[in-house]
N, C-alpha and C. Protein backbone atom coordinates (compact mmCIF):
# COMPACT_ATOMS: atom_id res chain seq x y z
N MET A 1 -36.83 -24.18 -49.98
CA MET A 1 -36.76 -24.90 -48.74
C MET A 1 -35.33 -24.91 -48.20
N ASP A 2 -34.34 -24.93 -49.05
CA ASP A 2 -32.95 -24.90 -48.62
C ASP A 2 -32.61 -23.56 -47.96
N LEU A 3 -33.21 -22.47 -48.45
CA LEU A 3 -32.95 -21.15 -47.88
C LEU A 3 -33.44 -21.09 -46.42
N PHE A 4 -34.57 -21.71 -46.12
CA PHE A 4 -35.12 -21.68 -44.76
C PHE A 4 -34.17 -22.37 -43.77
N PHE A 5 -33.65 -23.53 -44.13
CA PHE A 5 -32.76 -24.25 -43.23
C PHE A 5 -31.42 -23.53 -43.08
N THR A 6 -30.93 -22.91 -44.12
CA THR A 6 -29.69 -22.15 -44.03
C THR A 6 -29.88 -20.96 -43.11
N PHE A 7 -31.00 -20.27 -43.24
CA PHE A 7 -31.29 -19.14 -42.38
C PHE A 7 -31.43 -19.59 -40.93
N HIS A 8 -32.09 -20.69 -40.72
CA HIS A 8 -32.29 -21.20 -39.37
C HIS A 8 -30.96 -21.56 -38.71
N ILE A 9 -30.04 -22.14 -39.44
CA ILE A 9 -28.73 -22.50 -38.91
C ILE A 9 -27.96 -21.25 -38.52
N TRP A 10 -28.05 -20.20 -39.34
CA TRP A 10 -27.36 -18.95 -39.01
C TRP A 10 -27.95 -18.28 -37.77
N VAL A 11 -29.22 -18.37 -37.59
CA VAL A 11 -29.84 -17.79 -36.40
C VAL A 11 -29.38 -18.53 -35.15
N VAL A 12 -29.33 -19.83 -35.22
CA VAL A 12 -28.86 -20.63 -34.08
C VAL A 12 -27.39 -20.32 -33.80
N ALA A 13 -26.58 -20.26 -34.84
CA ALA A 13 -25.15 -19.97 -34.67
C ALA A 13 -24.96 -18.57 -34.06
N LEU A 14 -25.72 -17.61 -34.54
CA LEU A 14 -25.62 -16.25 -34.00
C LEU A 14 -26.04 -16.23 -32.53
N GLY A 15 -27.09 -16.92 -32.20
CA GLY A 15 -27.53 -16.98 -30.80
C GLY A 15 -26.49 -17.61 -29.89
N VAL A 16 -25.86 -18.67 -30.37
CA VAL A 16 -24.82 -19.32 -29.57
C VAL A 16 -23.62 -18.40 -29.39
N ILE A 17 -23.20 -17.75 -30.47
CA ILE A 17 -22.05 -16.85 -30.39
C ILE A 17 -22.34 -15.68 -29.46
N LEU A 18 -23.52 -15.09 -29.58
CA LEU A 18 -23.86 -13.97 -28.69
C LEU A 18 -23.98 -14.42 -27.24
N GLY A 19 -24.49 -15.61 -27.02
CA GLY A 19 -24.56 -16.15 -25.66
C GLY A 19 -23.19 -16.35 -25.04
N VAL A 20 -22.26 -16.88 -25.84
CA VAL A 20 -20.89 -17.08 -25.35
C VAL A 20 -20.23 -15.74 -25.06
N ILE A 21 -20.39 -14.77 -25.95
CA ILE A 21 -19.81 -13.44 -25.73
C ILE A 21 -20.39 -12.81 -24.47
N PHE A 22 -21.70 -12.95 -24.26
CA PHE A 22 -22.34 -12.40 -23.06
C PHE A 22 -21.77 -13.05 -21.80
N CYS A 23 -21.61 -14.36 -21.81
CA CYS A 23 -21.06 -15.06 -20.64
C CYS A 23 -19.62 -14.63 -20.36
N VAL A 24 -18.83 -14.46 -21.41
CA VAL A 24 -17.44 -14.02 -21.23
C VAL A 24 -17.41 -12.61 -20.65
N LEU A 25 -18.28 -11.73 -21.13
CA LEU A 25 -18.31 -10.36 -20.60
C LEU A 25 -18.75 -10.34 -19.14
N ILE A 26 -19.70 -11.16 -18.77
CA ILE A 26 -20.13 -11.24 -17.37
C ILE A 26 -18.99 -11.75 -16.50
N ALA A 27 -18.28 -12.77 -16.97
CA ALA A 27 -17.15 -13.30 -16.21
C ALA A 27 -16.04 -12.25 -16.07
N LEU A 28 -15.77 -11.51 -17.13
CA LEU A 28 -14.75 -10.47 -17.08
C LEU A 28 -15.14 -9.35 -16.12
N ALA A 29 -16.39 -8.94 -16.13
CA ALA A 29 -16.86 -7.90 -15.21
C ALA A 29 -16.77 -8.38 -13.77
N SER A 30 -17.11 -9.64 -13.52
CA SER A 30 -17.01 -10.19 -12.17
C SER A 30 -15.56 -10.23 -11.70
N TYR A 31 -14.65 -10.62 -12.57
CA TYR A 31 -13.23 -10.67 -12.20
C TYR A 31 -12.70 -9.27 -11.91
N CYS A 32 -13.08 -8.29 -12.73
CA CYS A 32 -12.61 -6.91 -12.50
C CYS A 32 -13.14 -6.38 -11.19
N SER A 33 -14.38 -6.66 -10.88
CA SER A 33 -14.97 -6.21 -9.62
C SER A 33 -14.27 -6.86 -8.43
N TRP A 34 -14.02 -8.15 -8.52
CA TRP A 34 -13.33 -8.87 -7.45
C TRP A 34 -11.91 -8.34 -7.28
N SER A 35 -11.23 -8.10 -8.39
CA SER A 35 -9.85 -7.61 -8.33
C SER A 35 -9.79 -6.22 -7.71
N GLN A 36 -10.73 -5.36 -8.07
CA GLN A 36 -10.76 -4.01 -7.52
C GLN A 36 -11.05 -4.03 -6.02
N CYS A 37 -11.95 -4.89 -5.60
CA CYS A 37 -12.28 -5.02 -4.17
C CYS A 37 -11.07 -5.52 -3.40
N ARG A 38 -10.37 -6.47 -3.97
CA ARG A 38 -9.18 -7.02 -3.31
C ARG A 38 -8.08 -5.96 -3.19
N ALA A 39 -7.89 -5.16 -4.23
CA ALA A 39 -6.88 -4.11 -4.20
C ALA A 39 -7.25 -3.05 -3.15
N LYS A 40 -8.54 -2.74 -3.03
CA LYS A 40 -8.99 -1.77 -2.05
C LYS A 40 -8.72 -2.27 -0.64
N GLU A 41 -9.00 -3.53 -0.38
CA GLU A 41 -8.74 -4.10 0.94
C GLU A 41 -7.25 -4.09 1.26
N THR A 42 -6.42 -4.39 0.28
CA THR A 42 -4.98 -4.38 0.48
C THR A 42 -4.49 -2.98 0.81
N LEU A 43 -5.01 -1.99 0.09
CA LEU A 43 -4.61 -0.61 0.32
C LEU A 43 -5.06 -0.14 1.70
N GLN A 44 -6.27 -0.50 2.10
CA GLN A 44 -6.76 -0.10 3.42
C GLN A 44 -5.93 -0.73 4.54
N SER A 45 -5.55 -1.99 4.38
CA SER A 45 -4.74 -2.63 5.42
C SER A 45 -3.34 -2.00 5.48
N ALA A 46 -2.81 -1.60 4.35
CA ALA A 46 -1.50 -0.94 4.34
C ALA A 46 -1.59 0.43 5.01
N MET A 47 -2.68 1.13 4.79
CA MET A 47 -2.86 2.44 5.42
C MET A 47 -3.03 2.30 6.93
N GLU A 48 -3.70 1.26 7.37
CA GLU A 48 -3.88 1.05 8.81
C GLU A 48 -2.55 0.75 9.50
N ARG A 49 -1.66 0.07 8.81
CA ARG A 49 -0.34 -0.24 9.40
C ARG A 49 0.51 1.01 9.52
N GLN A 50 0.24 2.04 8.74
CA GLN A 50 1.08 3.23 8.73
C GLN A 50 0.49 4.38 9.55
N LYS A 51 -0.52 4.11 10.35
CA LYS A 51 -1.10 5.17 11.18
C LYS A 51 -0.10 5.61 12.23
N LEU A 52 -0.12 6.90 12.49
CA LEU A 52 0.77 7.47 13.49
C LEU A 52 -0.04 8.24 14.51
N ASN A 53 0.42 8.21 15.74
CA ASN A 53 -0.18 9.05 16.78
C ASN A 53 0.62 10.33 16.85
N MET A 54 -0.05 11.45 16.64
CA MET A 54 0.64 12.74 16.62
C MET A 54 -0.09 13.71 17.54
N THR A 55 0.68 14.58 18.11
CA THR A 55 0.11 15.66 18.91
C THR A 55 0.54 16.96 18.26
N LEU A 56 -0.43 17.79 17.91
CA LEU A 56 -0.12 19.07 17.26
C LEU A 56 -0.30 20.20 18.25
N ASP A 57 0.63 21.11 18.19
CA ASP A 57 0.53 22.32 19.01
C ASP A 57 -0.40 23.29 18.31
N PRO A 58 -1.52 23.68 18.92
CA PRO A 58 -2.47 24.57 18.25
C PRO A 58 -1.90 25.95 17.96
N ASP A 59 -0.87 26.35 18.69
CA ASP A 59 -0.29 27.68 18.46
C ASP A 59 0.60 27.72 17.22
N THR A 60 1.22 26.57 16.88
CA THR A 60 2.18 26.59 15.77
C THR A 60 1.69 25.84 14.54
N SER A 61 0.57 25.16 14.64
CA SER A 61 0.09 24.41 13.48
C SER A 61 -0.58 25.34 12.47
N ASN A 62 -0.63 24.88 11.25
CA ASN A 62 -1.26 25.65 10.18
C ASN A 62 -2.78 25.73 10.42
N PRO A 63 -3.39 26.93 10.37
CA PRO A 63 -4.83 27.03 10.63
C PRO A 63 -5.68 26.39 9.54
N TRP A 64 -5.12 26.15 8.36
CA TRP A 64 -5.87 25.53 7.26
C TRP A 64 -5.75 24.02 7.25
N LEU A 65 -5.05 23.46 8.20
CA LEU A 65 -4.84 22.03 8.26
C LEU A 65 -6.14 21.32 8.66
N ILE A 66 -6.50 20.31 7.89
CA ILE A 66 -7.72 19.54 8.16
C ILE A 66 -7.30 18.15 8.56
N LEU A 67 -7.72 17.71 9.73
CA LEU A 67 -7.40 16.37 10.21
C LEU A 67 -8.61 15.48 10.06
N VAL A 68 -8.35 14.27 9.62
CA VAL A 68 -9.45 13.31 9.42
C VAL A 68 -9.36 12.24 10.47
């Protein structure tokens, strides 16, 4: 009878530990996703500030040049 209760306590402890680890991993994944999204927005706003208006001469520009 003592073996049953010892086993039961270990199962509960394992379940709690795995639940905590799962919650920590979910929180870490959410933080990484939020951080990456924030960095992307910062980079896009920096790129928008550095836009230039240019006029290229079709006779002298490189024919392999691709404009976006």
